């Protein structure tokens, strides 16, 4: 991505860009950064283990 030869954002463009990003996040949240553990994982694993035991 070029840095120096891009013209600076105007505030209106910046606000529009941020609004679009926030809208996209509400529709489809970004995945957690690498190394972050989703909070659901332990519960999902125990559910899978319980189902395997029950069958």
C-alpha atoms as a PDB file:
ATOM      1  CA  UNK A   1       0.000   0.000   0.000  1.00  0.00           C
ATOM      2  CA  UNK A   2       1.573   3.334  -0.992  1.00  0.00           C
ATOM      3  CA  UNK A   3       1.895   5.781   1.889  1.00  0.00           C
ATOM      4  CA  UNK A   4       3.572   8.951   0.675  1.00  0.00           C
ATOM      5  CA  UNK A   5       1.845   9.619  -2.638  1.00  0.00           C
ATOM      6  CA  UNK A   6      -1.704   9.040  -1.332  1.00  0.00           C
ATOM      7  CA  UNK A   7      -3.674  12.207  -0.758  1.00  0.00           C
ATOM      8  CA  UNK A   8      -4.699  12.616   2.902  1.00  0.00           C
ATOM      9  CA  UNK A   9      -8.205  11.613   3.954  1.00  0.00           C
ATOM     10  CA  UNK A  10     -10.705  14.391   4.473  1.00  0.00           C
ATOM     11  CA  UNK A  11     -12.756  14.036   7.645  1.00  0.00           C
ATOM     12  CA  UNK A  12     -15.856  13.208   5.602  1.00  0.00           C
ATOM     13  CA  UNK A  13     -14.036  10.386   3.824  1.00  0.00           C
ATOM     14  CA  UNK A  14     -12.640   9.161   7.126  1.00  0.00           C
ATOM     15  CA  UNK A  15     -16.081   9.142   8.778  1.00  0.00           C
ATOM     16  CA  UNK A  16     -17.579   7.316   5.800  1.00  0.00           C
ATOM     17  CA  UNK A  17     -14.799   4.725   5.916  1.00  0.00           C
ATOM     18  CA  UNK A  18     -15.199   4.187   9.668  1.00  0.00           C
ATOM     19  CA  UNK A  19     -18.973   3.885   9.320  1.00  0.00           C
ATOM     20  CA  UNK A  20     -18.515   1.250   6.615  1.00  0.00           C
ATOM     21  CA  UNK A  21     -16.054  -0.670   8.810  1.00  0.00           C
ATOM     22  CA  UNK A  22     -18.388  -0.546  11.832  1.00  0.00           C
ATOM     23  CA  UNK A  23     -21.284  -1.729   9.655  1.00  0.00           C
ATOM     24  CA  UNK A  24     -19.189  -4.624   8.344  1.00  0.00           C
ATOM     25  CA  UNK A  25     -18.192  -5.568  11.912  1.00  0.00           C
ATOM     26  CA  UNK A  26     -21.817  -5.686  13.020  1.00  0.00           C
ATOM     27  CA  UNK A  27     -22.673  -7.930  10.079  1.00  0.00           C
ATOM     28  CA  UNK A  28     -19.601 -10.164  10.317  1.00  0.00           C
ATOM     29  CA  UNK A  29     -17.191  -9.626  13.227  1.00  0.00           C
ATOM     30  CA  UNK A  30     -13.522 -10.038  12.458  1.00  0.00           C
ATOM     31  CA  UNK A  31     -11.930 -13.290  13.656  1.00  0.00           C
ATOM     32  CA  UNK A  32      -9.847 -12.919  16.826  1.00  0.00           C
ATOM     33  CA  UNK A  33      -6.180 -12.057  16.275  1.00  0.00           C
ATOM     34  CA  UNK A  34      -3.750 -15.003  16.066  1.00  0.00           C
ATOM     35  CA  UNK A  35      -2.939 -16.327  19.517  1.00  0.00           C
ATOM     36  CA  UNK A  36      -6.222 -15.124  21.029  1.00  0.00           C
ATOM     37  CA  UNK A  37      -8.385 -17.923  22.329  1.00  0.00           C
ATOM     38  CA  UNK A  38     -12.104 -17.753  21.573  1.00  0.00           C
ATOM     39  CA  UNK A  39     -14.054 -18.047  24.826  1.00  0.00           C
ATOM     40  CA  UNK A  40     -16.327 -20.738  23.373  1.00  0.00           C
ATOM     41  CA  UNK A  41     -13.586 -23.277  22.679  1.00  0.00           C
ATOM     42  CA  UNK A  42     -13.448 -25.054  26.085  1.00  0.00           C
ATOM     43  CA  UNK A  43     -17.232 -25.401  26.209  1.00  0.00           C
ATOM     44  CA  UNK A  44     -17.344 -26.694  22.629  1.00  0.00           C
ATOM     45  CA  UNK A  45     -14.686 -29.268  23.441  1.00  0.00           C
ATOM     46  CA  UNK A  46     -16.493 -30.500  26.550  1.00  0.00           C
ATOM     47  CA  UNK A  47     -19.752 -30.720  24.588  1.00  0.00           C
ATOM     48  CA  UNK A  48     -18.050 -32.781  21.894  1.00  0.00           C
ATOM     49  CA  UNK A  49     -16.510 -35.026  24.545  1.00  0.00           C
ATOM     50  CA  UNK A  50     -19.868 -35.480  26.348  1.00  0.00           C
ATOM     51  CA  UNK A  51     -21.638 -36.337  23.094  1.00  0.00           C
ATOM     52  CA  UNK A  52     -18.942 -38.901  22.277  1.00  0.00           C
ATOM     53  CA  UNK A  53     -19.380 -40.508  25.728  1.00  0.00           C
ATOM     54  CA  UNK A  54     -23.176 -40.539  25.418  1.00  0.00           C
ATOM     55  CA  UNK A  55     -23.101 -42.346  22.053  1.00  0.00           C
END
